[in-house]
């Protein structure tokens, strides 16, 4: 599984994220956020053909514990994890940042 097109209304538990094996790109945002929508083509391109990378889109906002546990303040925020450990973080990234960071996975 690579690119996920929709934000999940129900977030996975933090313990499940921490226990995930391999590379996970955790994306926090919302479907109505202009910055989030603008980042989607670059994300889709960067994740194309990367079947070993798991992309999880989580709808974020007030009272959403997963985003708060990762200290998310702006959307989109991409948290890249390898075997449950954070290895990169992109906040409102430019297309080039997305390509450079995800292209190196």
Protein backbone atom coordinates (compact mmCIF):
# COMPACT_ATOMS: atom_id res chain seq x y z
CA UNK A 1 0.00 0.00 0.00
CA UNK A 2 1.35 3.42 -0.80
CA UNK A 3 -0.66 6.63 -1.37
CA UNK A 4 -3.93 6.95 0.59
CA UNK A 5 -6.34 9.38 -1.00
CA UNK A 6 -8.73 10.00 1.92
CA UNK A 7 -8.20 11.18 5.48
CA UNK A 8 -9.37 8.60 8.00
CA UNK A 9 -11.95 10.05 10.40
CA UNK A 10 -10.88 7.51 13.02
CA UNK A 11 -7.20 7.54 13.85
CA UNK A 12 -5.24 4.44 14.78
CA UNK A 13 -4.06 4.15 18.35
CA UNK A 14 -0.64 5.63 19.11
CA UNK A 15 0.50 2.21 20.35
CA UNK A 16 -0.29 0.71 16.92
CA UNK A 17 1.72 3.45 15.19
CA UNK A 18 4.65 2.97 17.57
CA UNK A 19 4.59 -0.79 16.94
CA UNK A 20 4.36 -0.51 13.13
CA UNK A 21 7.19 -2.21 11.27
CA UNK A 22 8.83 -0.71 8.22
CA UNK A 23 8.33 2.79 6.89
CA UNK A 24 5.15 4.69 7.67
CA UNK A 25 4.32 8.17 6.38
CA UNK A 26 1.77 9.58 8.80
CA UNK A 27 -0.02 12.59 7.32
CA UNK A 28 -2.08 14.91 9.52
CA UNK A 29 -4.55 17.32 7.92
CA UNK A 30 -8.11 17.69 6.67
CA UNK A 31 -9.86 17.47 3.34
CA UNK A 32 -10.88 21.13 3.43
CA UNK A 33 -7.37 22.50 4.16
CA UNK A 34 -5.96 24.30 1.12
CA UNK A 35 -2.35 23.54 2.09
CA UNK A 36 -3.24 19.86 2.47
CA UNK A 37 -4.94 19.71 -0.91
CA UNK A 38 -2.02 21.50 -2.57
CA UNK A 39 0.44 18.91 -1.23
CA UNK A 40 -1.45 15.89 -2.60
CA UNK A 41 -0.01 15.73 -6.15
CA UNK A 42 3.58 15.79 -4.82
CA UNK A 43 2.74 13.18 -2.18
CA UNK A 44 1.07 10.93 -4.71
CA UNK A 45 4.05 11.22 -7.05
CA UNK A 46 6.62 10.64 -4.28
CA UNK A 47 4.79 7.54 -3.03
CA UNK A 48 4.11 6.05 -6.48
CA UNK A 49 5.62 2.59 -6.78
CA UNK A 50 6.68 2.49 -3.13
CA UNK A 51 4.56 -0.45 -2.08
CA UNK A 52 6.74 -1.03 0.99
CA UNK A 53 5.85 2.41 2.38
CA UNK A 54 2.62 2.67 4.34
CA UNK A 55 0.82 6.03 4.01
CA UNK A 56 -1.71 6.81 6.73
CA UNK A 57 -3.78 9.99 6.37
CA UNK A 58 -5.33 11.09 9.65
CA UNK A 59 -7.97 13.77 9.92
CA UNK A 60 -6.70 16.13 12.59
CA UNK A 61 -8.23 18.85 14.73
CA UNK A 62 -9.19 19.79 18.26
CA UNK A 63 -9.55 16.89 20.60
CA UNK A 64 -7.78 14.47 18.26
CA UNK A 65 -5.28 12.68 20.51
CA UNK A 66 -2.98 11.19 17.85
CA UNK A 67 -2.10 14.58 16.38
CA UNK A 68 -1.57 16.04 19.85
CA UNK A 69 0.71 13.13 20.80
CA UNK A 70 2.92 14.03 17.80
CA UNK A 71 2.80 17.76 18.59
CA UNK A 72 1.00 18.67 15.35
CA UNK A 73 0.17 22.37 15.10
CA UNK A 74 -0.01 23.08 11.34
CA UNK A 75 -1.37 21.12 8.40
CA UNK A 76 -0.27 19.21 6.58
CA UNK A 77 2.29 17.65 8.86
CA UNK A 78 4.05 14.54 7.61
CA UNK A 79 5.76 12.35 10.18
CA UNK A 80 8.00 9.66 8.68
CA UNK A 81 8.56 6.66 10.92
CA UNK A 82 10.88 3.70 10.53
CA UNK A 83 9.93 0.80 12.79
CA UNK A 84 7.95 3.19 15.01
CA UNK A 85 10.74 5.77 15.38
CA UNK A 86 10.44 9.23 13.86
CA UNK A 87 13.11 9.79 11.20
CA UNK A 88 11.74 12.90 9.47
CA UNK A 89 9.05 15.55 9.85
CA UNK A 90 7.72 17.94 7.24
CA UNK A 91 5.38 20.81 8.17
CA UNK A 92 3.58 22.54 5.30
CA UNK A 93 6.23 21.20 2.96
CA UNK A 94 7.01 22.51 -0.49
CA UNK A 95 6.78 19.97 -3.31
CA UNK A 96 10.58 19.76 -3.51
CA UNK A 97 10.81 18.91 0.20
CA UNK A 98 8.29 16.12 -0.22
CA UNK A 99 10.16 14.69 -3.20
CA UNK A 100 13.56 14.94 -1.51
CA UNK A 101 12.49 13.44 1.83
CA UNK A 102 10.20 10.67 0.59
CA UNK A 103 12.45 9.94 -2.37
CA UNK A 104 15.26 9.02 0.01
CA UNK A 105 13.25 6.31 1.79
